[in-house]
PDB file of N, CA and C in Angstrom:
ATOM      1  N   MET A   1      -3.229 -43.416  18.818  1.00  0.00           N
ATOM      2  CA  MET A   1      -3.766 -42.119  19.199  1.00  0.00           C
ATOM      3  C   MET A   1      -5.162 -42.001  18.626  1.00  0.00           C
ATOM      4  N   SER A   2      -6.062 -41.509  19.411  1.00  0.00           N
ATOM      5  CA  SER A   2      -7.454 -41.395  19.011  1.00  0.00           C
ATOM      6  C   SER A   2      -7.680 -40.163  18.157  1.00  0.00           C
ATOM      7  N   ASP A   3      -8.609 -40.285  17.207  1.00  0.00           N
ATOM      8  CA  ASP A   3      -9.000 -39.140  16.385  1.00  0.00           C
ATOM      9  C   ASP A   3     -10.088 -38.324  17.063  1.00  0.00           C
ATOM     10  N   GLN A   4     -10.471 -38.708  18.259  1.00  0.00           N
ATOM     11  CA  GLN A   4     -11.529 -38.024  18.982  1.00  0.00           C
ATOM     12  C   GLN A   4     -10.930 -37.040  19.986  1.00  0.00           C
ATOM     13  N   LEU A   5     -11.611 -35.915  20.197  1.00  0.00           N
ATOM     14  CA  LEU A   5     -11.231 -34.988  21.253  1.00  0.00           C
ATOM     15  C   LEU A   5     -11.636 -35.602  22.584  1.00  0.00           C
ATOM     16  N   PRO A   6     -11.121 -35.084  23.698  1.00  0.00           N
ATOM     17  CA  PRO A   6     -11.394 -35.699  25.002  1.00  0.00           C
ATOM     18  C   PRO A   6     -12.872 -35.925  25.294  1.00  0.00           C
ATOM     19  N   ASP A   7     -13.766 -35.058  24.840  1.00  0.00           N
ATOM     20  CA  ASP A   7     -15.184 -35.262  25.136  1.00  0.00           C
ATOM     21  C   ASP A   7     -15.844 -36.183  24.111  1.00  0.00           C
ATOM     22  N   GLU A   8     -15.037 -36.821  23.281  1.00  0.00           N
ATOM     23  CA  GLU A   8     -15.494 -37.781  22.275  1.00  0.00           C
ATOM     24  C   GLU A   8     -16.318 -37.154  21.153  1.00  0.00           C
ATOM     25  N   THR A   9     -16.246 -35.839  20.980  1.00  0.00           N
ATOM     26  CA  THR A   9     -16.921 -35.180  19.875  1.00  0.00           C
ATOM     27  C   THR A   9     -16.029 -35.280  18.648  1.00  0.00           C
ATOM     28  N   PRO A  10     -16.565 -35.696  17.512  1.00  0.00           N
ATOM     29  CA  PRO A  10     -15.722 -35.807  16.323  1.00  0.00           C
ATOM     30  C   PRO A  10     -15.082 -34.469  15.966  1.00  0.00           C
ATOM     31  N   GLN A  11     -13.840 -34.514  15.493  1.00  0.00           N
ATOM     32  CA  GLN A  11     -13.105 -33.298  15.153  1.00  0.00           C
ATOM     33  C   GLN A  11     -13.777 -32.520  14.032  1.00  0.00           C
ATOM     34  N   GLU A  12     -14.509 -33.185  13.169  1.00  0.00           N
ATOM     35  CA  GLU A  12     -15.160 -32.496  12.057  1.00  0.00           C
ATOM     36  C   GLU A  12     -16.084 -31.384  12.544  1.00  0.00           C
ATOM     37  N   ASP A  13     -16.639 -31.541  13.737  1.00  0.00           N
ATOM     38  CA  ASP A  13     -17.540 -30.534  14.280  1.00  0.00           C
ATOM     39  C   ASP A  13     -16.813 -29.230  14.611  1.00  0.00           C
ATOM     40  N   PHE A  14     -15.489 -29.274  14.743  1.00  0.00           N
ATOM     41  CA  PHE A  14     -14.717 -28.112  15.146  1.00  0.00           C
ATOM     42  C   PHE A  14     -13.953 -27.459  13.998  1.00  0.00           C
ATOM     43  N   GLN A  15     -14.023 -28.027  12.833  1.00  0.00           N
ATOM     44  CA  GLN A  15     -13.246 -27.496  11.724  1.00  0.00           C
ATOM     45  C   GLN A  15     -13.881 -26.245  11.133  1.00  0.00           C
ATOM     46  N   ILE A  16     -13.033 -25.274  10.889  1.00  0.00           N
ATOM     47  CA  ILE A  16     -13.446 -24.044  10.231  1.00  0.00           C
ATOM     48  C   ILE A  16     -13.086 -24.200   8.763  1.00  0.00           C
ATOM     49  N   PRO A  17     -13.975 -23.813   7.866  1.00  0.00           N
ATOM     50  CA  PRO A  17     -13.620 -23.947   6.451  1.00  0.00           C
ATOM     51  C   PRO A  17     -12.404 -23.083   6.121  1.00  0.00           C
ATOM     52  N   LEU A  18     -11.436 -23.675   5.501  1.00  0.00           N
ATOM     53  CA  LEU A  18     -10.221 -22.965   5.130  1.00  0.00           C
ATOM     54  C   LEU A  18     -10.261 -22.611   3.653  1.00  0.00           C
ATOM     55  N   PRO A  19      -9.638 -21.500   3.295  1.00  0.00           N
ATOM     56  CA  PRO A  19      -9.562 -21.175   1.870  1.00  0.00           C
ATOM     57  C   PRO A  19      -8.669 -22.195   1.167  1.00  0.00           C
ATOM     58  N   PRO A  20      -8.808 -22.322  -0.113  1.00  0.00           N
ATOM     59  CA  PRO A  20      -7.949 -23.272  -0.830  1.00  0.00           C
ATOM     60  C   PRO A  20      -6.478 -22.862  -0.719  1.00  0.00           C
ATOM     61  N   ALA A  21      -5.620 -23.848  -0.689  1.00  0.00           N
ATOM     62  CA  ALA A  21      -4.187 -23.572  -0.651  1.00  0.00           C
ATOM     63  C   ALA A  21      -3.784 -22.890  -1.950  1.00  0.00           C
ATOM     64  N   SER A  22      -3.089 -21.766  -1.817  1.00  0.00           N
ATOM     65  CA  SER A  22      -2.645 -21.029  -3.002  1.00  0.00           C
ATOM     66  C   SER A  22      -1.414 -20.216  -2.639  1.00  0.00           C
ATOM     67  N   PHE A  23      -0.736 -19.746  -3.645  1.00  0.00           N
ATOM     68  CA  PHE A  23       0.429 -18.908  -3.415  1.00  0.00           C
ATOM     69  C   PHE A  23       0.017 -17.625  -2.688  1.00  0.00           C
ATOM     70  N   SER A  24      -1.088 -17.045  -3.092  1.00  0.00           N
ATOM     71  CA  SER A  24      -1.565 -15.812  -2.456  1.00  0.00           C
ATOM     72  C   SER A  24      -1.852 -16.034  -0.980  1.00  0.00           C
ATOM     73  N   PHE A  25      -2.465 -17.154  -0.645  1.00  0.00           N
ATOM     74  CA  PHE A  25      -2.748 -17.450   0.759  1.00  0.00           C
ATOM     75  C   PHE A  25      -1.451 -17.617   1.545  1.00  0.00           C
ATOM     76  N   LEU A  26      -0.459 -18.243   0.936  1.00  0.00           N
ATOM     77  CA  LEU A  26       0.845 -18.397   1.585  1.00  0.00           C
ATOM     78  C   LEU A  26       1.464 -17.027   1.875  1.00  0.00           C
ATOM     79  N   VAL A  27       1.466 -16.141   0.886  1.00  0.00           N
ATOM     80  CA  VAL A  27       2.041 -14.806   1.063  1.00  0.00           C
ATOM     81  C   VAL A  27       1.292 -14.046   2.145  1.00  0.00           C
ATOM     82  N   LEU A  28      -0.029 -14.088   2.101  1.00  0.00           N
ATOM     83  CA  LEU A  28      -0.815 -13.366   3.097  1.00  0.00           C
ATOM     84  C   LEU A  28      -0.619 -13.943   4.498  1.00  0.00           C
ATOM     85  N   SER A  29      -0.416 -15.246   4.600  1.00  0.00           N
ATOM     86  CA  SER A  29      -0.142 -15.866   5.897  1.00  0.00           C
ATOM     87  C   SER A  29       1.189 -15.385   6.459  1.00  0.00           C
ATOM     88  N   LEU A  30       2.213 -15.378   5.618  1.00  0.00           N
ATOM     89  CA  LEU A  30       3.528 -14.903   6.054  1.00  0.00           C
ATOM     90  C   LEU A  30       3.474 -13.421   6.421  1.00  0.00           C
ATOM     91  N   ARG A  31       2.736 -12.649   5.631  1.00  0.00           N
ATOM     92  CA  ARG A  31       2.611 -11.215   5.907  1.00  0.00           C
ATOM     93  C   ARG A  31       1.927 -10.982   7.256  1.00  0.00           C
ATOM     94  N   THR A  32       0.858 -11.717   7.505  1.00  0.00           N
ATOM     95  CA  THR A  32       0.131 -11.580   8.764  1.00  0.00           C
ATOM     96  C   THR A  32       1.021 -11.932   9.953  1.00  0.00           C
ATOM     97  N   GLN A  33       1.812 -12.989   9.812  1.00  0.00           N
ATOM     98  CA  GLN A  33       2.719 -13.366  10.895  1.00  0.00           C
ATOM     99  C   GLN A  33       3.721 -12.251  11.178  1.00  0.00           C
ATOM    100  N   ALA A  34       4.263 -11.650  10.128  1.00  0.00           N
ATOM    101  CA  ALA A  34       5.221 -10.560  10.313  1.00  0.00           C
ATOM    102  C   ALA A  34       4.542  -9.351  10.957  1.00  0.00           C
ATOM    103  N   GLU A  35       3.318  -9.049  10.531  1.00  0.00           N
ATOM    104  CA  GLU A  35       2.584  -7.923  11.124  1.00  0.00           C
ATOM    105  C   GLU A  35       2.310  -8.176  12.609  1.00  0.00           C
ATOM    106  N   LEU A  36       1.989  -9.393  12.956  1.00  0.00           N
ATOM    107  CA  LEU A  36       1.792  -9.735  14.367  1.00  0.00           C
ATOM    108  C   LEU A  36       3.077  -9.527  15.154  1.00  0.00           C
ATOM    109  N   GLN A  37       4.208  -9.971  14.598  1.00  0.00           N
ATOM    110  CA  GLN A  37       5.484  -9.829  15.285  1.00  0.00           C
ATOM    111  C   GLN A  37       5.909  -8.371  15.405  1.00  0.00           C
ATOM    112  N   LEU A  38       5.464  -7.536  14.471  1.00  0.00           N
ATOM    113  CA  LEU A  38       5.765  -6.113  14.542  1.00  0.00           C
ATOM    114  C   LEU A  38       4.847  -5.379  15.517  1.00  0.00           C
ATOM    115  N   GLY A  39       3.851  -6.070  16.035  1.00  0.00           N
ATOM    116  CA  GLY A  39       2.917  -5.454  16.967  1.00  0.00           C
ATOM    117  C   GLY A  39       1.884  -4.587  16.272  1.00  0.00           C
ATOM    118  N   LEU A  40       1.652  -4.828  14.992  1.00  0.00           N
ATOM    119  CA  LEU A  40       0.707  -4.019  14.230  1.00  0.00           C
ATOM    120  C   LEU A  40      -0.728  -4.508  14.360  1.00  0.00           C
ATOM    121  N   MET A  41      -0.896  -5.717  14.867  1.00  0.00           N
ATOM    122  CA  MET A  41      -2.241  -6.275  15.030  1.00  0.00           C
ATOM    123  C   MET A  41      -2.478  -6.509  16.514  1.00  0.00           C
ATOM    124  N   ARG A  42      -3.692  -6.231  16.947  1.00  0.00           N
ATOM    125  CA  ARG A  42      -4.053  -6.396  18.356  1.00  0.00           C
ATOM    126  C   ARG A  42      -5.117  -7.472  18.499  1.00  0.00           C
ATOM    127  N   TYR A  43      -5.040  -8.181  19.611  1.00  0.00           N
ATOM    128  CA  TYR A  43      -6.065  -9.165  19.930  1.00  0.00           C
ATOM    129  C   TYR A  43      -7.251  -8.501  20.601  1.00  0.00           C
ATOM    130  N   SER A  44      -6.970  -7.429  21.328  1.00  0.00           N
ATOM    131  CA  SER A  44      -8.025  -6.687  22.004  1.00  0.00           C
ATOM    132  C   SER A  44      -7.622  -5.225  22.041  1.00  0.00           C
ATOM    133  N   GLU A  45      -8.578  -4.370  22.331  1.00  0.00           N
ATOM    134  CA  GLU A  45      -8.280  -2.942  22.378  1.00  0.00           C
ATOM    135  C   GLU A  45      -7.475  -2.572  23.615  1.00  0.00           C
ATOM    136  N   GLU A  46      -7.482  -3.416  24.620  1.00  0.00           N
ATOM    137  CA  GLU A  46      -6.819  -3.104  25.876  1.00  0.00           C
ATOM    138  C   GLU A  46      -5.313  -3.290  25.814  1.00  0.00           C
ATOM    139  N   GLU A  47      -4.856  -4.353  25.201  1.00  0.00           N
ATOM    140  CA  GLU A  47      -3.426  -4.641  25.239  1.00  0.00           C
ATOM    141  C   GLU A  47      -2.723  -4.215  23.952  1.00  0.00           C
ATOM    142  N   LYS A  48      -1.580  -3.575  24.114  1.00  0.00           N
ATOM    143  CA  LYS A  48      -0.743  -3.197  22.974  1.00  0.00           C
ATOM    144  C   LYS A  48       0.381  -4.226  22.907  1.00  0.00           C
ATOM    145  N   PRO A  49       0.419  -5.016  21.854  1.00  0.00           N
ATOM    146  CA  PRO A  49       1.441  -6.062  21.788  1.00  0.00           C
ATOM    147  C   PRO A  49       2.841  -5.476  21.631  1.00  0.00           C
ATOM    148  N   GLU A  50       3.790  -6.102  22.278  1.00  0.00           N
ATOM    149  CA  GLU A  50       5.188  -5.712  22.150  1.00  0.00           C
ATOM    150  C   GLU A  50       5.754  -6.301  20.864  1.00  0.00           C
ATOM    151  N   PRO A  51       6.446  -5.507  20.079  1.00  0.00           N
ATOM    152  CA  PRO A  51       7.032  -6.051  18.855  1.00  0.00           C
ATOM    153  C   PRO A  51       8.191  -6.994  19.166  1.00  0.00           C
ATOM    154  N   ASN A  52       8.322  -7.993  18.339  1.00  0.00           N
ATOM    155  CA  ASN A  52       9.451  -8.919  18.404  1.00  0.00           C
ATOM    156  C   ASN A  52      10.228  -8.712  17.106  1.00  0.00           C
ATOM    157  N   LEU A  53      11.147  -7.746  17.136  1.00  0.00           N
ATOM    158  CA  LEU A  53      11.842  -7.343  15.909  1.00  0.00           C
ATOM    159  C   LEU A  53      12.668  -8.461  15.267  1.00  0.00           C
ATOM    160  N   PRO A  54      13.406  -9.278  16.032  1.00  0.00           N
ATOM    161  CA  PRO A  54      14.158 -10.351  15.367  1.00  0.00           C
ATOM    162  C   PRO A  54      13.248 -11.351  14.649  1.00  0.00           C
ATOM    163  N   LEU A  55      12.136 -11.690  15.268  1.00  0.00           N
ATOM    164  CA  LEU A  55      11.217 -12.631  14.629  1.00  0.00           C
ATOM    165  C   LEU A  55      10.531 -12.000  13.419  1.00  0.00           C
ATOM    166  N   ALA A  56      10.187 -10.721  13.519  1.00  0.00           N
ATOM    167  CA  ALA A  56       9.605 -10.011  12.379  1.00  0.00           C
ATOM    168  C   ALA A  56      10.601  -9.955  11.228  1.00  0.00           C
ATOM    169  N   ARG A  57      11.854  -9.634  11.539  1.00  0.00           N
ATOM    170  CA  ARG A  57      12.904  -9.569  10.508  1.00  0.00           C
ATOM    171  C   ARG A  57      13.056 -10.926   9.824  1.00  0.00           C
ATOM    172  N   HIS A  58      12.995 -11.993  10.597  1.00  0.00           N
ATOM    173  CA  HIS A  58      13.121 -13.339  10.040  1.00  0.00           C
ATOM    174  C   HIS A  58      11.974 -13.627   9.061  1.00  0.00           C
ATOM    175  N   GLY A  59      10.758 -13.269   9.445  1.00  0.00           N
ATOM    176  CA  GLY A  59       9.615 -13.477   8.557  1.00  0.00           C
ATOM    177  C   GLY A  59       9.741 -12.681   7.265  1.00  0.00           C
ATOM    178  N   ILE A  60      10.212 -11.442   7.385  1.00  0.00           N
ATOM    179  CA  ILE A  60      10.409 -10.604   6.199  1.00  0.00           C
ATOM    180  C   ILE A  60      11.505 -11.204   5.319  1.00  0.00           C
ATOM    181  N   ASP A  61      12.567 -11.680   5.944  1.00  0.00           N
ATOM    182  CA  ASP A  61      13.648 -12.316   5.183  1.00  0.00           C
ATOM    183  C   ASP A  61      13.165 -13.574   4.465  1.00  0.00           C
ATOM    184  N   LEU A  62      12.288 -14.341   5.112  1.00  0.00           N
ATOM    185  CA  LEU A  62      11.730 -15.532   4.461  1.00  0.00           C
ATOM    186  C   LEU A  62      10.938 -15.150   3.205  1.00  0.00           C
ATOM    187  N   MET A  63      10.198 -14.071   3.308  1.00  0.00           N
ATOM    188  CA  MET A  63       9.439 -13.615   2.140  1.00  0.00           C
ATOM    189  C   MET A  63      10.373 -13.145   1.032  1.00  0.00           C
ATOM    190  N   ALA A  64      11.493 -12.536   1.402  1.00  0.00           N
ATOM    191  CA  ALA A  64      12.474 -12.110   0.405  1.00  0.00           C
ATOM    192  C   ALA A  64      13.088 -13.323  -0.294  1.00  0.00           C
ATOM    193  N   VAL A  65      13.352 -14.377   0.452  1.00  0.00           N
ATOM    194  CA  VAL A  65      13.856 -15.615  -0.144  1.00  0.00           C
ATOM    195  C   VAL A  65      12.821 -16.177  -1.120  1.00  0.00           C
ATOM    196  N   LEU A  66      11.571 -16.161  -0.709  1.00  0.00           N
ATOM    197  CA  LEU A  66      10.494 -16.646  -1.571  1.00  0.00           C
ATOM    198  C   LEU A  66      10.440 -15.848  -2.871  1.00  0.00           C
ATOM    199  N   LEU A  67      10.587 -14.542  -2.773  1.00  0.00           N
ATOM    200  CA  LEU A  67      10.578 -13.699  -3.968  1.00  0.00           C
ATOM    201  C   LEU A  67      11.742 -14.056  -4.888  1.00  0.00           C
ATOM    202  N   GLU A  68      12.906 -14.219  -4.308  1.00  0.00           N
ATOM    203  CA  GLU A  68      14.097 -14.538  -5.100  1.00  0.00           C
ATOM    204  C   GLU A  68      13.974 -15.915  -5.771  1.00  0.00           C
ATOM    205  N   LYS A  69      13.523 -16.894  -5.019  1.00  0.00           N
ATOM    206  CA  LYS A  69      13.471 -18.271  -5.524  1.00  0.00           C
ATOM    207  C   LYS A  69      12.330 -18.517  -6.509  1.00  0.00           C
ATOM    208  N   THR A  70      11.338 -17.636  -6.530  1.00  0.00           N
ATOM    209  CA  THR A  70      10.213 -17.818  -7.452  1.00  0.00           C
ATOM    210  C   THR A  70      10.297 -16.875  -8.643  1.00  0.00           C
ATOM    211  N   LYS A  71      11.399 -16.154  -8.754  1.00  0.00           N
ATOM    212  CA  LYS A  71      11.566 -15.181  -9.834  1.00  0.00           C
ATOM    213  C   LYS A  71      11.324 -15.846 -11.192  1.00  0.00           C
ATOM    214  N   GLY A  72      10.425 -15.251 -11.964  1.00  0.00           N
ATOM    215  CA  GLY A  72      10.113 -15.772 -13.290  1.00  0.00           C
ATOM    216  C   GLY A  72       9.057 -16.858 -13.312  1.00  0.00           C
ATOM    217  N   ASN A  73       8.604 -17.303 -12.152  1.00  0.00           N
ATOM    218  CA  ASN A  73       7.627 -18.386 -12.086  1.00  0.00           C
ATOM    219  C   ASN A  73       6.272 -17.954 -11.530  1.00  0.00           C
ATOM    220  N   LEU A  74       6.094 -16.653 -11.316  1.00  0.00           N
ATOM    221  CA  LEU A  74       4.850 -16.161 -10.733  1.00  0.00           C
ATOM    222  C   LEU A  74       4.028 -15.422 -11.775  1.00  0.00           C
ATOM    223  N   THR A  75       2.724 -15.412 -11.545  1.00  0.00           N
ATOM    224  CA  THR A  75       1.879 -14.557 -12.374  1.00  0.00           C
ATOM    225  C   THR A  75       2.152 -13.110 -11.957  1.00  0.00           C
ATOM    226  N   MET A  76       1.727 -12.174 -12.764  1.00  0.00           N
ATOM    227  CA  MET A  76       1.921 -10.762 -12.449  1.00  0.00           C
ATOM    228  C   MET A  76       1.262 -10.416 -11.120  1.00  0.00           C
ATOM    229  N   GLU A  77       0.068 -10.951 -10.868  1.00  0.00           N
ATOM    230  CA  GLU A  77      -0.651 -10.668  -9.625  1.00  0.00           C
ATOM    231  C   GLU A  77       0.085 -11.236  -8.421  1.00  0.00           C
ATOM    232  N   GLU A  78       0.603 -12.459  -8.539  1.00  0.00           N
ATOM    233  CA  GLU A  78       1.340 -13.075  -7.434  1.00  0.00           C
ATOM    234  C   GLU A  78       2.622 -12.298  -7.139  1.00  0.00           C
ATOM    235  N   HIS A  79       3.323 -11.921  -8.206  1.00  0.00           N
ATOM    236  CA  HIS A  79       4.561 -11.161  -8.033  1.00  0.00           C
ATOM    237  C   HIS A  79       4.282  -9.826  -7.357  1.00  0.00           C
ATOM    238  N   ARG A  80       3.248  -9.134  -7.807  1.00  0.00           N
ATOM    239  CA  ARG A  80       2.892  -7.836  -7.204  1.00  0.00           C
ATOM    240  C   ARG A  80       2.526  -7.986  -5.736  1.00  0.00           C
ATOM    241  N   LEU A  81       1.727  -9.012  -5.426  1.00  0.00           N
ATOM    242  CA  LEU A  81       1.321  -9.237  -4.039  1.00  0.00           C
ATOM    243  C   LEU A  81       2.542  -9.454  -3.153  1.00  0.00           C
ATOM    244  N   LEU A  82       3.445 -10.295  -3.582  1.00  0.00           N
ATOM    245  CA  LEU A  82       4.635 -10.590  -2.783  1.00  0.00           C
ATOM    246  C   LEU A  82       5.549  -9.373  -2.681  1.00  0.00           C
ATOM    247  N   GLU A  83       5.795  -8.717  -3.796  1.00  0.00           N
ATOM    248  CA  GLU A  83       6.675  -7.554  -3.790  1.00  0.00           C
ATOM    249  C   GLU A  83       6.086  -6.395  -2.974  1.00  0.00           C
ATOM    250  N   ASN A  84       4.797  -6.133  -3.147  1.00  0.00           N
ATOM    251  CA  ASN A  84       4.150  -5.062  -2.381  1.00  0.00           C
ATOM    252  C   ASN A  84       4.110  -5.386  -0.887  1.00  0.00           C
ATOM    253  N   SER A  85       3.872  -6.645  -0.564  1.00  0.00           N
ATOM    254  CA  SER A  85       3.869  -7.055   0.839  1.00  0.00           C
ATOM    255  C   SER A  85       5.243  -6.842   1.462  1.00  0.00           C
ATOM    256  N   LEU A  86       6.275  -7.214   0.731  1.00  0.00           N
ATOM    257  CA  LEU A  86       7.639  -7.022   1.230  1.00  0.00           C
ATOM    258  C   LEU A  86       7.966  -5.545   1.424  1.00  0.00           C
ATOM    259  N   THR A  87       7.600  -4.731   0.462  1.00  0.00           N
ATOM    260  CA  THR A  87       7.856  -3.294   0.565  1.00  0.00           C
ATOM    261  C   THR A  87       7.163  -2.707   1.787  1.00  0.00           C
ATOM    262  N   GLU A  88       5.908  -3.048   1.958  1.00  0.00           N
ATOM    263  CA  GLU A  88       5.135  -2.538   3.096  1.00  0.00           C
ATOM    264  C   GLU A  88       5.726  -3.011   4.418  1.00  0.00           C
ATOM    265  N   LEU A  89       6.070  -4.294   4.503  1.00  0.00           N
ATOM    266  CA  LEU A  89       6.623  -4.823   5.748  1.00  0.00           C
ATOM    267  C   LEU A  89       7.980  -4.211   6.077  1.00  0.00           C
ATOM    268  N   ARG A  90       8.794  -4.003   5.078  1.00  0.00           N
ATOM    269  CA  ARG A  90      10.100  -3.377   5.319  1.00  0.00           C
ATOM    270  C   ARG A  90       9.922  -1.945   5.839  1.00  0.00           C
ATOM    271  N   PHE A  91       9.002  -1.228   5.249  1.00  0.00           N
ATOM    272  CA  PHE A  91       8.706   0.133   5.697  1.00  0.00           C
ATOM    273  C   PHE A  91       8.213   0.123   7.138  1.00  0.00           C
ATOM    274  N   ARG A  92       7.277  -0.769   7.444  1.00  0.00           N
ATOM    275  CA  ARG A  92       6.745  -0.863   8.807  1.00  0.00           C
ATOM    276  C   ARG A  92       7.815  -1.289   9.800  1.00  0.00           C
ATOM    277  N   PHE A  93       8.716  -2.176   9.363  1.00  0.00           N
ATOM    278  CA  PHE A  93       9.798  -2.619  10.235  1.00  0.00           C
ATOM    279  C   PHE A  93      10.663  -1.433  10.660  1.00  0.00           C
ATOM    280  N   VAL A  94      10.994  -0.575   9.711  1.00  0.00           N
ATOM    281  CA  VAL A  94      11.797   0.611  10.021  1.00  0.00           C
ATOM    282  C   VAL A  94      11.037   1.521  10.980  1.00  0.00           C
ATOM    283  N   GLN A  95       9.757   1.730  10.733  1.00  0.00           N
ATOM    284  CA  GLN A  95       8.945   2.570  11.622  1.00  0.00           C
ATOM    285  C   GLN A  95       8.915   2.022  13.043  1.00  0.00           C
ATOM    286  N   VAL A  96       8.634   0.737  13.168  1.00  0.00           N
ATOM    287  CA  VAL A  96       8.533   0.119  14.490  1.00  0.00           C
ATOM    288  C   VAL A  96       9.894   0.132  15.177  1.00  0.00           C
ATOM    289  N   SER A  97      10.962  -0.130  14.434  1.00  0.00           N
ATOM    290  CA  SER A  97      12.308  -0.095  15.009  1.00  0.00           C
ATOM    291  C   SER A  97      12.615   1.289  15.563  1.00  0.00           C
ATOM    292  N   ASP A  98      12.261   2.322  14.821  1.00  0.00           N
ATOM    293  CA  ASP A  98      12.471   3.697  15.295  1.00  0.00           C
ATOM    294  C   ASP A  98      11.647   3.973  16.547  1.00  0.00           C
ATOM    295  N   ASP A  99      10.405   3.525  16.561  1.00  0.00           N
ATOM    296  CA  ASP A  99       9.544   3.722  17.732  1.00  0.00           C
ATOM    297  C   ASP A  99      10.117   3.020  18.966  1.00  0.00           C
ATOM    298  N   VAL A 100      10.623   1.807  18.777  1.00  0.00           N
ATOM    299  CA  VAL A 100      11.210   1.051  19.887  1.00  0.00           C
ATOM    300  C   VAL A 100      12.450   1.774  20.403  1.00  0.00           C
ATOM    301  N   ALA A 101      13.281   2.271  19.484  1.00  0.00           N
ATOM    302  CA  ALA A 101      14.495   2.975  19.894  1.00  0.00           C
ATOM    303  C   ALA A 101      14.149   4.272  20.647  1.00  0.00           C
ATOM    304  N   LYS A 102      13.131   5.000  20.188  1.00  0.00           N
ATOM    305  CA  LYS A 102      12.716   6.232  20.863  1.00  0.00           C
ATOM    306  C   LYS A 102      12.183   5.929  22.266  1.00  0.00           C
ATOM    307  N   ALA A 103      11.387   4.869  22.372  1.00  0.00           N
ATOM    308  CA  ALA A 103      10.841   4.485  23.680  1.00  0.00           C
ATOM    309  C   ALA A 103      11.953   4.083  24.638  1.00  0.00           C
ATOM    310  N   ALA A 104      12.953   3.386  24.134  1.00  0.00           N
ATOM    311  CA  ALA A 104      14.078   2.973  24.985  1.00  0.00           C
ATOM    312  C   ALA A 104      14.882   4.198  25.427  1.00  0.00           C
ATOM    313  N   ALA A 105      15.044   5.165  24.536  1.00  0.00           N
ATOM    314  CA  ALA A 105      15.793   6.380  24.873  1.00  0.00           C
ATOM    315  C   ALA A 105      15.060   7.203  25.928  1.00  0.00           C
ATOM    316  N   GLN A 106      13.742   7.218  25.867  1.00  0.00           N
ATOM    317  CA  GLN A 106      12.955   7.975  26.835  1.00  0.00           C
ATOM    318  C   GLN A 106      13.006   7.334  28.222  1.00  0.00           C
ATOM    319  N   LYS A 107      13.111   6.008  28.257  1.00  0.00           N
ATOM    320  CA  LYS A 107      13.187   5.308  29.545  1.00  0.00           C
ATOM    321  C   LYS A 107      14.540   5.531  30.219  1.00  0.00           C
ATOM    322  N   ALA A 108      15.562   5.729  29.404  1.00  0.00           N
ATOM    323  CA  ALA A 108      16.927   5.857  29.946  1.00  0.00           C
ATOM    324  C   ALA A 108      17.225   7.205  30.530  1.00  0.00           C
TER     325      ALA A 108
END
């Protein structure tokens, strides 16, 4: 397999600088994925994304597993970031779930 893109331009020309790998970046990545699945982030002002509650719940559950499995091994800042992210996502999940249920009731 070639390391070149189809137009033969080296891949290095397309790389975006990434932040260093860290626990905080991992937590923020998982949080962003859950927020996307909850429909809290938009790609454009025109389209309102539909929430995917099962996938959002799965992402939140993964973060809860991470919190449980890293207990006692995190700095205070890392623990706060993960715990606060989980609290916020759980709250948003309930809000979005209620909104989805209300919208479904109005359609019926």
